[in-house]
Amino acid sequence: MSNYIIGDIQGCFDELQLLLKKVKFNANNDVLWVAGDLVARGPKSLETLRFIKSLGSSARVVLGNHDLHLLAVSLGIHQAKKKDNTGEIFDSNDRDELLNWLRHQSLLAEHEEFIVCHAGITPQWTLSTAKKCAKEVEVILKSDKWPWLIENMYNNTPNLWCPTLEGIERYRFIINAFTRMRYCFPDASLDMECKRPPKDLIGSNLQPWFELKRQKKIKKTILFGHWAALEGYKGKRVIGLDTGCVWGGSLTMIRWEDKQYYSQKSIS
């Protein structure tokens, strides 16, 4: 049995299939961990959702910002973005089944040796806090209150964690940290605007979330996606897997057991 962790698929279904064929992925024995953003800008978001769902327990999925946006579009809260290719999902006969499955996925998935989330884990959180916070939001997403949560998640504040945060402000911070975070200010507050690579910000007071000192180290490796401008990242106990397939880059995956990387160049 092997564990494969893959970065943002974003509807790049053909590249996903080529990559799985390359590693001889076997759903009867292997597990595919998906670091969020299954859908959006690529040409085959519908096929991607159907396939990952069909893997059942052989797939471990965390939600990304584009996945949550898809749920918002399904509720009529927001319109699809101009570059999104998600219309086929809403025209499909299994639309409701797929969207219901999607909202039952996690914000954080844990293995005995690693953690998978879409954007990262804010430096203010211990692993215990991150797991607790993820569960709080997941419980609402799986409940009848999920439209309320989706409708009210769109805001950049609060951007600094405080354990006493309550209600939608608490949930909004949790969602932003897990699905949108890239940079933090020195006090660990989140910057929700900058998407540029760190090399462009030399001398800035913004730092990648994974470079800020933690009060308590997380002893498991954190694997994340979301940040295509990094073009992949490998640090101590931190691995970034988004290499921008949907932007003409590659789809990247790591086999955990031997830390072997595999990639498939965009063919879209």
C-alpha atoms as a PDB file:
ATOM      1  CA  MET A   1       0.000   0.000   0.000  1.00  0.00           C
ATOM      2  CA  SER A   2       1.220   3.494  -0.884  1.00  0.00           C
ATOM      3  CA  ASN A   3      -0.009   6.948   0.074  1.00  0.00           C
ATOM      4  CA  TYR A   4       0.053   9.512  -2.723  1.00  0.00           C
ATOM      5  CA  ILE A   5      -0.517  13.194  -1.971  1.00  0.00           C
ATOM      6  CA  ILE A   6      -1.404  15.457  -4.876  1.00  0.00           C
ATOM      7  CA  GLY A   7      -1.602  19.230  -5.287  1.00  0.00           C
ATOM      8  CA  ASP A   8      -4.400  21.317  -6.796  1.00  0.00           C
ATOM      9  CA  ILE A   9      -6.127  19.409  -9.610  1.00  0.00           C
ATOM     10  CA  GLN A  10      -8.467  22.266 -10.601  1.00  0.00           C
ATOM     11  CA  GLY A  11     -10.295  20.184 -13.182  1.00  0.00           C
ATOM     12  CA  CYS A  12      -7.124  18.952 -14.914  1.00  0.00           C
ATOM     13  CA  PHE A  13      -8.609  15.490 -15.162  1.00  0.00           C
ATOM     14  CA  ASP A  14      -6.556  14.188 -18.091  1.00  0.00           C
ATOM     15  CA  GLU A  15      -3.307  15.096 -16.381  1.00  0.00           C
ATOM     16  CA  LEU A  16      -4.559  13.413 -13.201  1.00  0.00           C
ATOM     17  CA  GLN A  17      -5.241  10.186 -15.074  1.00  0.00           C
ATOM     18  CA  LEU A  18      -1.828  10.222 -16.747  1.00  0.00           C
ATOM     19  CA  LEU A  19      -0.147  10.809 -13.397  1.00  0.00           C
ATOM     20  CA  LEU A  20      -2.020   7.970 -11.702  1.00  0.00           C
ATOM     21  CA  LYS A  21      -1.173   5.682 -14.610  1.00  0.00           C
ATOM     22  CA  LYS A  22       2.476   6.681 -14.297  1.00  0.00           C
ATOM     23  CA  VAL A  23       2.627   5.505 -10.681  1.00  0.00           C
ATOM     24  CA  LYS A  24       0.347   2.507 -11.301  1.00  0.00           C
ATOM     25  CA  PHE A  25      -2.119   3.729  -8.695  1.00  0.00           C
ATOM     26  CA  ASN A  26      -4.312   0.895  -7.446  1.00  0.00           C
ATOM     27  CA  ALA A  27      -7.466   1.979  -5.633  1.00  0.00           C
ATOM     28  CA  ASN A  28      -7.684  -1.440  -3.986  1.00  0.00           C
ATOM     29  CA  ASN A  29      -4.408  -0.907  -2.157  1.00  0.00           C
ATOM     30  CA  ASP A  30      -3.326   2.738  -2.415  1.00  0.00           C
ATOM     31  CA  VAL A  31      -4.720   5.981  -1.010  1.00  0.00           C
ATOM     32  CA  LEU A  32      -4.864   9.294  -2.859  1.00  0.00           C
ATOM     33  CA  TRP A  33      -4.747  12.380  -0.639  1.00  0.00           C
ATOM     34  CA  VAL A  34      -6.038  15.485  -2.442  1.00  0.00           C
ATOM     35  CA  ALA A  35      -4.874  18.874  -1.155  1.00  0.00           C
ATOM     36  CA  GLY A  36      -8.005  20.788  -2.173  1.00  0.00           C
ATOM     37  CA  ASP A  37      -9.208  22.713  -5.224  1.00  0.00           C
ATOM     38  CA  LEU A  38     -10.519  19.741  -7.130  1.00  0.00           C
ATOM     39  CA  VAL A  39     -12.426  22.100  -9.408  1.00  0.00           C
ATOM     40  CA  ALA A  40     -12.460  25.453 -11.150  1.00  0.00           C
ATOM     41  CA  ARG A  41     -10.204  26.641 -13.960  1.00  0.00           C
ATOM     42  CA  GLY A  42      -9.365  23.402 -15.754  1.00  0.00           C
ATOM     43  CA  PRO A  43     -11.533  21.865 -18.506  1.00  0.00           C
ATOM     44  CA  LYS A  44     -12.918  18.823 -16.680  1.00  0.00           C
ATOM     45  CA  SER A  45     -14.105  19.706 -13.190  1.00  0.00           C
ATOM     46  CA  LEU A  46     -17.158  17.462 -13.484  1.00  0.00           C
ATOM     47  CA  GLU A  47     -15.078  14.428 -14.439  1.00  0.00           C
ATOM     48  CA  THR A  48     -12.649  15.182 -11.618  1.00  0.00           C
ATOM     49  CA  LEU A  49     -15.389  15.297  -8.987  1.00  0.00           C
ATOM     50  CA  ARG A  50     -16.967  12.101 -10.256  1.00  0.00           C
ATOM     51  CA  PHE A  51     -13.671  10.245 -10.314  1.00  0.00           C
ATOM     52  CA  ILE A  52     -12.425  11.293  -6.874  1.00  0.00           C
ATOM     53  CA  LYS A  53     -15.838  10.521  -5.398  1.00  0.00           C
ATOM     54  CA  SER A  54     -15.803   7.086  -7.061  1.00  0.00           C
ATOM     55  CA  LEU A  55     -12.585   6.211  -5.205  1.00  0.00           C
ATOM     56  CA  GLY A  56     -14.518   6.068  -1.948  1.00  0.00           C
ATOM     57  CA  SER A  57     -12.273   5.382   1.027  1.00  0.00           C
ATOM     58  CA  SER A  58      -9.242   5.249  -1.276  1.00  0.00           C
ATOM     59  CA  ALA A  59      -9.392   9.049  -1.528  1.00  0.00           C
ATOM     60  CA  ARG A  60      -8.854  11.496   1.324  1.00  0.00           C
ATOM     61  CA  VAL A  61      -9.959  14.972   0.302  1.00  0.00           C
ATOM     62  CA  VAL A  62      -9.578  18.377   1.917  1.00  0.00           C
ATOM     63  CA  LEU A  63     -11.496  21.413   0.749  1.00  0.00           C
ATOM     64  CA  GLY A  64      -9.906  24.348  -1.025  1.00  0.00           C
ATOM     65  CA  ASN A  65     -11.171  27.872  -1.623  1.00  0.00           C
ATOM     66  CA  HIS A  66     -12.403  26.984  -5.127  1.00  0.00           C
ATOM     67  CA  ASP A  67     -14.343  24.025  -3.777  1.00  0.00           C
ATOM     68  CA  LEU A  68     -16.082  26.243  -1.231  1.00  0.00           C
ATOM     69  CA  HIS A  69     -16.762  28.821  -3.948  1.00  0.00           C
ATOM     70  CA  LEU A  70     -18.435  26.104  -6.009  1.00  0.00           C
ATOM     71  CA  LEU A  71     -20.790  25.484  -3.086  1.00  0.00           C
ATOM     72  CA  ALA A  72     -21.505  29.216  -2.907  1.00  0.00           C
ATOM     73  CA  VAL A  73     -22.359  29.284  -6.617  1.00  0.00           C
ATOM     74  CA  SER A  74     -24.658  26.306  -6.146  1.00  0.00           C
ATOM     75  CA  LEU A  75     -26.613  28.314  -3.572  1.00  0.00           C
ATOM     76  CA  GLY A  76     -26.817  31.400  -5.775  1.00  0.00           C
ATOM     77  CA  ILE A  77     -24.758  33.370  -3.258  1.00  0.00           C
ATOM     78  CA  HIS A  78     -22.086  34.145  -5.841  1.00  0.00           C
ATOM     79  CA  GLN A  79     -21.769  33.810  -9.589  1.00  0.00           C
ATOM     80  CA  ALA A  80     -19.124  31.608 -11.135  1.00  0.00           C
ATOM     81  CA  LYS A  81     -15.917  33.488 -11.886  1.00  0.00           C
ATOM     82  CA  LYS A  82     -15.181  34.253 -15.536  1.00  0.00           C
ATOM     83  CA  LYS A  83     -12.331  31.750 -15.713  1.00  0.00           C
ATOM     84  CA  ASP A  84     -14.217  28.946 -13.979  1.00  0.00           C
ATOM     85  CA  ASN A  85     -15.218  25.909 -16.007  1.00  0.00           C
ATOM     86  CA  THR A  86     -17.793  24.513 -13.634  1.00  0.00           C
ATOM     87  CA  GLY A  87     -20.987  24.936 -15.655  1.00  0.00           C
ATOM     88  CA  GLU A  88     -21.157  21.254 -16.560  1.00  0.00           C
ATOM     89  CA  ILE A  89     -21.420  20.369 -12.882  1.00  0.00           C
ATOM     90  CA  PHE A  90     -24.628  22.355 -12.516  1.00  0.00           C
ATOM     91  CA  ASP A  91     -26.064  20.866 -15.700  1.00  0.00           C
ATOM     92  CA  SER A  92     -25.326  17.284 -14.668  1.00  0.00           C
ATOM     93  CA  ASN A  93     -27.897  14.772 -13.438  1.00  0.00           C
ATOM     94  CA  ASP A  94     -25.745  13.969 -10.418  1.00  0.00           C
ATOM     95  CA  ARG A  95     -25.186  17.616  -9.468  1.00  0.00           C
ATOM     96  CA  ASP A  96     -26.846  17.365  -6.043  1.00  0.00           C
ATOM     97  CA  GLU A  97     -25.091  14.105  -5.212  1.00  0.00           C
ATOM     98  CA  LEU A  98     -21.676  15.559  -6.093  1.00  0.00           C
ATOM     99  CA  LEU A  99     -22.203  18.817  -4.200  1.00  0.00           C
ATOM    100  CA  ASN A 100     -23.488  16.962  -1.159  1.00  0.00           C
ATOM    101  CA  TRP A 101     -20.425  14.722  -1.241  1.00  0.00           C
ATOM    102  CA  LEU A 102     -18.144  17.744  -1.587  1.00  0.00           C
ATOM    103  CA  ARG A 103     -19.494  19.562   1.458  1.00  0.00           C
ATOM    104  CA  HIS A 104     -18.914  16.436   3.537  1.00  0.00           C
ATOM    105  CA  GLN A 105     -15.161  16.582   2.944  1.00  0.00           C
ATOM    106  CA  SER A 106     -12.625  17.838   5.490  1.00  0.00           C
ATOM    107  CA  LEU A 107     -10.553  20.949   6.038  1.00  0.00           C
ATOM    108  CA  LEU A 108      -7.721  18.869   7.476  1.00  0.00           C
ATOM    109  CA  ALA A 109      -6.816  15.228   6.925  1.00  0.00           C
ATOM    110  CA  GLU A 110      -4.346  13.396   9.140  1.00  0.00           C
ATOM    111  CA  HIS A 111      -2.063  10.428   8.667  1.00  0.00           C
ATOM    112  CA  GLU A 112       0.110   9.067  11.458  1.00  0.00           C
ATOM    113  CA  GLU A 113       3.116  10.776   9.834  1.00  0.00           C
ATOM    114  CA  PHE A 114       1.672  13.749   7.926  1.00  0.00           C
ATOM    115  CA  ILE A 115      -1.162  16.279   7.653  1.00  0.00           C
ATOM    116  CA  VAL A 116      -2.873  17.506   4.495  1.00  0.00           C
ATOM    117  CA  CYS A 117      -4.679  20.844   4.203  1.00  0.00           C
ATOM    118  CA  HIS A 118      -5.222  23.243   1.336  1.00  0.00           C
ATOM    119  CA  ALA A 119      -3.435  26.458   2.339  1.00  0.00           C
ATOM    120  CA  GLY A 120      -1.630  25.570   5.563  1.00  0.00           C
ATOM    121  CA  ILE A 121      -1.831  25.789   9.333  1.00  0.00           C
ATOM    122  CA  THR A 122      -1.526  29.239  10.875  1.00  0.00           C
ATOM    123  CA  PRO A 123       1.573  29.635  13.111  1.00  0.00           C
ATOM    124  CA  GLN A 124      -0.628  30.402  16.104  1.00  0.00           C
ATOM    125  CA  TRP A 125      -2.180  26.937  16.109  1.00  0.00           C
ATOM    126  CA  THR A 126      -0.900  23.730  17.621  1.00  0.00           C
ATOM    127  CA  LEU A 127      -1.924  20.559  15.818  1.00  0.00           C
ATOM    128  CA  SER A 128      -4.524  19.950  18.491  1.00  0.00           C
ATOM    129  CA  THR A 129      -6.031  23.403  17.941  1.00  0.00           C
ATOM    130  CA  ALA A 130      -5.975  22.980  14.153  1.00  0.00           C
ATOM    131  CA  LYS A 131      -7.831  19.669  14.383  1.00  0.00           C
ATOM    132  CA  LYS A 132     -10.399  21.122  16.776  1.00  0.00           C
ATOM    133  CA  CYS A 133     -10.998  24.178  14.584  1.00  0.00           C
ATOM    134  CA  ALA A 134     -11.304  22.104  11.426  1.00  0.00           C
ATOM    135  CA  LYS A 135     -13.890  19.889  13.087  1.00  0.00           C
ATOM    136  CA  GLU A 136     -15.971  22.892  14.192  1.00  0.00           C
ATOM    137  CA  VAL A 137     -16.414  24.044  10.603  1.00  0.00           C
ATOM    138  CA  GLU A 138     -16.818  20.537   9.189  1.00  0.00           C
ATOM    139  CA  VAL A 139     -19.715  19.848  11.550  1.00  0.00           C
ATOM    140  CA  ILE A 140     -21.571  22.907  10.224  1.00  0.00           C
ATOM    141  CA  LEU A 141     -20.814  22.079   6.584  1.00  0.00           C
ATOM    142  CA  LYS A 142     -22.371  18.664   7.091  1.00  0.00           C
ATOM    143  CA  SER A 143     -25.466  20.116   8.788  1.00  0.00           C
ATOM    144  CA  ASP A 144     -28.556  21.976   7.593  1.00  0.00           C
ATOM    145  CA  LYS A 145     -26.808  25.232   8.584  1.00  0.00           C
ATOM    146  CA  TRP A 146     -24.226  24.946   5.801  1.00  0.00           C
ATOM    147  CA  PRO A 147     -25.865  27.612   3.556  1.00  0.00           C
ATOM    148  CA  TRP A 148     -25.574  30.130   6.406  1.00  0.00           C
ATOM    149  CA  LEU A 149     -21.881  29.352   6.781  1.00  0.00           C
ATOM    150  CA  ILE A 150     -21.141  29.620   3.053  1.00  0.00           C
ATOM    151  CA  GLU A 151     -23.072  32.872   2.740  1.00  0.00           C
ATOM    152  CA  ASN A 152     -21.166  34.512   5.578  1.00  0.00           C
ATOM    153  CA  MET A 153     -17.642  33.221   4.981  1.00  0.00           C
ATOM    154  CA  TYR A 154     -16.694  35.941   2.483  1.00  0.00           C
ATOM    155  CA  ASN A 155     -14.648  38.478   4.416  1.00  0.00           C
ATOM    156  CA  ASN A 156     -10.987  39.058   5.236  1.00  0.00           C
ATOM    157  CA  THR A 157     -11.601  39.748   8.909  1.00  0.00           C
ATOM    158  CA  PRO A 158     -10.814  38.822  11.556  1.00  0.00           C
ATOM    159  CA  ASN A 159      -7.287  38.103  10.374  1.00  0.00           C
ATOM    160  CA  LEU A 160      -5.697  37.366  13.749  1.00  0.00           C
ATOM    161  CA  TRP A 161      -6.540  34.263  15.737  1.00  0.00           C
ATOM    162  CA  CYS A 162      -7.875  34.565  19.242  1.00  0.00           C
ATOM    163  CA  PRO A 163      -9.222  31.547  21.149  1.00  0.00           C
ATOM    164  CA  THR A 164     -12.165  33.637  22.346  1.00  0.00           C
ATOM    165  CA  LEU A 165     -13.454  34.308  18.818  1.00  0.00           C
ATOM    166  CA  GLU A 166     -17.062  33.202  18.520  1.00  0.00           C
ATOM    167  CA  GLY A 167     -19.698  32.560  15.904  1.00  0.00           C
ATOM    168  CA  ILE A 168     -19.190  33.450  12.277  1.00  0.00           C
ATOM    169  CA  GLU A 169     -16.023  35.455  13.010  1.00  0.00           C
ATOM    170  CA  ARG A 170     -14.412  32.325  14.449  1.00  0.00           C
ATOM    171  CA  TYR A 171     -15.569  30.139  11.556  1.00  0.00           C
ATOM    172  CA  ARG A 172     -14.501  32.708   8.982  1.00  0.00           C
ATOM    173  CA  PHE A 173     -10.978  32.872  10.365  1.00  0.00           C
ATOM    174  CA  ILE A 174     -10.760  29.087  10.381  1.00  0.00           C
ATOM    175  CA  ILE A 175     -11.905  28.853   6.758  1.00  0.00           C
ATOM    176  CA  ASN A 176      -9.550  31.613   5.632  1.00  0.00           C
ATOM    177  CA  ALA A 177      -6.590  30.045   7.415  1.00  0.00           C
ATOM    178  CA  PHE A 178      -7.174  26.584   5.986  1.00  0.00           C
ATOM    179  CA  THR A 179      -8.135  27.593   2.441  1.00  0.00           C
ATOM    180  CA  ARG A 180      -6.776  31.071   1.588  1.00  0.00           C
ATOM    181  CA  MET A 181      -3.686  31.828   3.700  1.00  0.00           C
ATOM    182  CA  ARG A 182      -0.303  32.523   2.106  1.00  0.00           C
ATOM    183  CA  TYR A 183       1.471  35.307   3.973  1.00  0.00           C
ATOM    184  CA  CYS A 184       1.426  36.484   7.563  1.00  0.00           C
ATOM    185  CA  PHE A 185       2.566  39.689   9.212  1.00  0.00           C
ATOM    186  CA  PRO A 186       5.143  39.410  12.041  1.00  0.00           C
ATOM    187  CA  ASP A 187       2.359  39.168  14.647  1.00  0.00           C
ATOM    188  CA  ALA A 188       0.956  36.150  12.730  1.00  0.00           C
ATOM    189  CA  SER A 189      -2.084  38.035  11.415  1.00  0.00           C
ATOM    190  CA  LEU A 190      -3.075  36.868   7.953  1.00  0.00           C
ATOM    191  CA  ASP A 191      -2.552  38.889   4.800  1.00  0.00           C
ATOM    192  CA  MET A 192      -5.329  37.889   2.423  1.00  0.00           C
ATOM    193  CA  GLU A 193      -4.238  39.877  -0.625  1.00  0.00           C
ATOM    194  CA  CYS A 194      -0.696  39.047  -1.748  1.00  0.00           C
ATOM    195  CA  LYS A 195      -0.213  36.079  -4.101  1.00  0.00           C
ATOM    196  CA  ARG A 196       3.284  36.846  -5.335  1.00  0.00           C
ATOM    197  CA  PRO A 197       6.240  34.519  -4.711  1.00  0.00           C
ATOM    198  CA  PRO A 198       8.460  35.260  -1.694  1.00  0.00           C
ATOM    199  CA  LYS A 199      11.372  36.267  -3.946  1.00  0.00           C
ATOM    200  CA  ASP A 200       9.339  39.325  -4.991  1.00  0.00           C
ATOM    201  CA  LEU A 201       8.866  40.467  -1.403  1.00  0.00           C
ATOM    202  CA  ILE A 202      12.421  40.677  -0.132  1.00  0.00           C
ATOM    203  CA  GLY A 203      12.498  43.411   2.527  1.00  0.00           C
ATOM    204  CA  SER A 204       8.744  43.225   3.080  1.00  0.00           C
ATOM    205  CA  ASN A 205       7.289  42.573   6.516  1.00  0.00           C
ATOM    206  CA  LEU A 206       5.195  39.780   5.020  1.00  0.00           C
ATOM    207  CA  GLN A 207       6.429  36.244   5.558  1.00  0.00           C
ATOM    208  CA  PRO A 208       5.138  32.911   4.252  1.00  0.00           C
ATOM    209  CA  TRP A 209       3.061  31.285   6.987  1.00  0.00           C
ATOM    210  CA  PHE A 210       5.492  28.367   7.192  1.00  0.00           C
ATOM    211  CA  GLU A 211       8.472  30.635   7.968  1.00  0.00           C
ATOM    212  CA  LEU A 212       7.017  32.183  11.122  1.00  0.00           C
ATOM    213  CA  LYS A 213       8.118  30.638  14.388  1.00  0.00           C
ATOM    214  CA  ARG A 214       5.560  28.451  16.127  1.00  0.00           C
ATOM    215  CA  GLN A 215       5.103  28.484  19.869  1.00  0.00           C
ATOM    216  CA  LYS A 216       4.798  24.718  19.709  1.00  0.00           C
ATOM    217  CA  LYS A 217       6.213  22.745  16.789  1.00  0.00           C
ATOM    218  CA  ILE A 218       4.028  20.412  14.792  1.00  0.00           C
ATOM    219  CA  LYS A 219       5.960  17.169  14.572  1.00  0.00           C
ATOM    220  CA  LYS A 220       4.177  15.845  11.500  1.00  0.00           C
ATOM    221  CA  THR A 221       4.890  17.046   7.968  1.00  0.00           C
ATOM    222  CA  ILE A 222       2.316  19.523   6.619  1.00  0.00           C
ATOM    223  CA  LEU A 223       1.492  19.027   2.936  1.00  0.00           C
ATOM    224  CA  PHE A 224      -0.453  21.793   1.203  1.00  0.00           C
ATOM    225  CA  GLY A 225      -1.443  23.201  -2.179  1.00  0.00           C
ATOM    226  CA  HIS A 226      -3.024  26.563  -3.020  1.00  0.00           C
ATOM    227  CA  TRP A 227       0.132  28.573  -3.752  1.00  0.00           C
ATOM    228  CA  ALA A 228       1.085  28.030  -7.395  1.00  0.00           C
ATOM    229  CA  ALA A 229       3.556  30.936  -7.342  1.00  0.00           C
ATOM    230  CA  LEU A 230       5.818  28.872  -5.083  1.00  0.00           C
ATOM    231  CA  GLU A 231       6.192  26.394  -7.948  1.00  0.00           C
ATOM    232  CA  GLY A 232       6.409  23.685  -5.311  1.00  0.00           C
ATOM    233  CA  TYR A 233       8.115  23.946  -1.941  1.00  0.00           C
ATOM    234  CA  LYS A 234      10.116  21.612   0.239  1.00  0.00           C
ATOM    235  CA  GLY A 235      11.091  22.673   3.743  1.00  0.00           C
ATOM    236  CA  LYS A 236      11.508  21.041   7.111  1.00  0.00           C
ATOM    237  CA  ARG A 237       8.210  19.298   7.785  1.00  0.00           C
ATOM    238  CA  VAL A 238       6.477  21.465   5.133  1.00  0.00           C
ATOM    239  CA  ILE A 239       5.817  20.454   1.506  1.00  0.00           C
ATOM    240  CA  GLY A 240       3.969  22.565  -1.055  1.00  0.00           C
ATOM    241  CA  LEU A 241       2.514  20.600  -3.988  1.00  0.00           C
ATOM    242  CA  ASP A 242       0.746  23.184  -6.159  1.00  0.00           C
ATOM    243  CA  THR A 243       2.861  23.554  -9.294  1.00  0.00           C
ATOM    244  CA  GLY A 244       0.233  25.326 -11.387  1.00  0.00           C
ATOM    245  CA  CYS A 245      -0.987  22.663 -13.795  1.00  0.00           C
ATOM    246  CA  VAL A 246      -4.018  24.767 -14.639  1.00  0.00           C
ATOM    247  CA  TRP A 247      -1.707  27.692 -15.513  1.00  0.00           C
ATOM    248  CA  GLY A 248       0.413  25.643 -17.904  1.00  0.00           C
ATOM    249  CA  GLY A 249       2.699  24.167 -15.237  1.00  0.00           C
ATOM    250  CA  SER A 250       2.534  20.621 -13.921  1.00  0.00           C
ATOM    251  CA  LEU A 251       0.420  18.437 -11.692  1.00  0.00           C
ATOM    252  CA  THR A 252       2.616  17.185  -8.854  1.00  0.00           C
ATOM    253  CA  MET A 253       2.281  14.253  -6.501  1.00  0.00           C
ATOM    254  CA  ILE A 254       4.495  12.690  -3.843  1.00  0.00           C
ATOM    255  CA  ARG A 255       4.553   9.057  -2.755  1.00  0.00           C
ATOM    256  CA  TRP A 256       4.984   9.306   0.958  1.00  0.00           C
ATOM    257  CA  GLU A 257       6.708   6.010   1.650  1.00  0.00           C
ATOM    258  CA  ASP A 258       9.865   6.838  -0.329  1.00  0.00           C
ATOM    259  CA  LYS A 259       9.321  10.612  -0.791  1.00  0.00           C
ATOM    260  CA  GLN A 260       9.448  10.164  -4.556  1.00  0.00           C
ATOM    261  CA  TYR A 261       7.949  13.057  -6.554  1.00  0.00           C
ATOM    262  CA  TYR A 262       6.004  12.560  -9.769  1.00  0.00           C
ATOM    263  CA  SER A 263       4.752  15.225 -12.141  1.00  0.00           C
ATOM    264  CA  GLN A 264       2.713  15.533 -15.292  1.00  0.00           C
ATOM    265  CA  LYS A 265       3.092  18.537 -17.552  1.00  0.00           C
ATOM    266  CA  SER A 266      -0.117  20.377 -18.445  1.00  0.00           C
ATOM    267  CA  ILE A 267      -1.657  19.217 -21.699  1.00  0.00           C
ATOM    268  CA  SER A 268      -4.694  21.512 -21.589  1.00  0.00           C
END
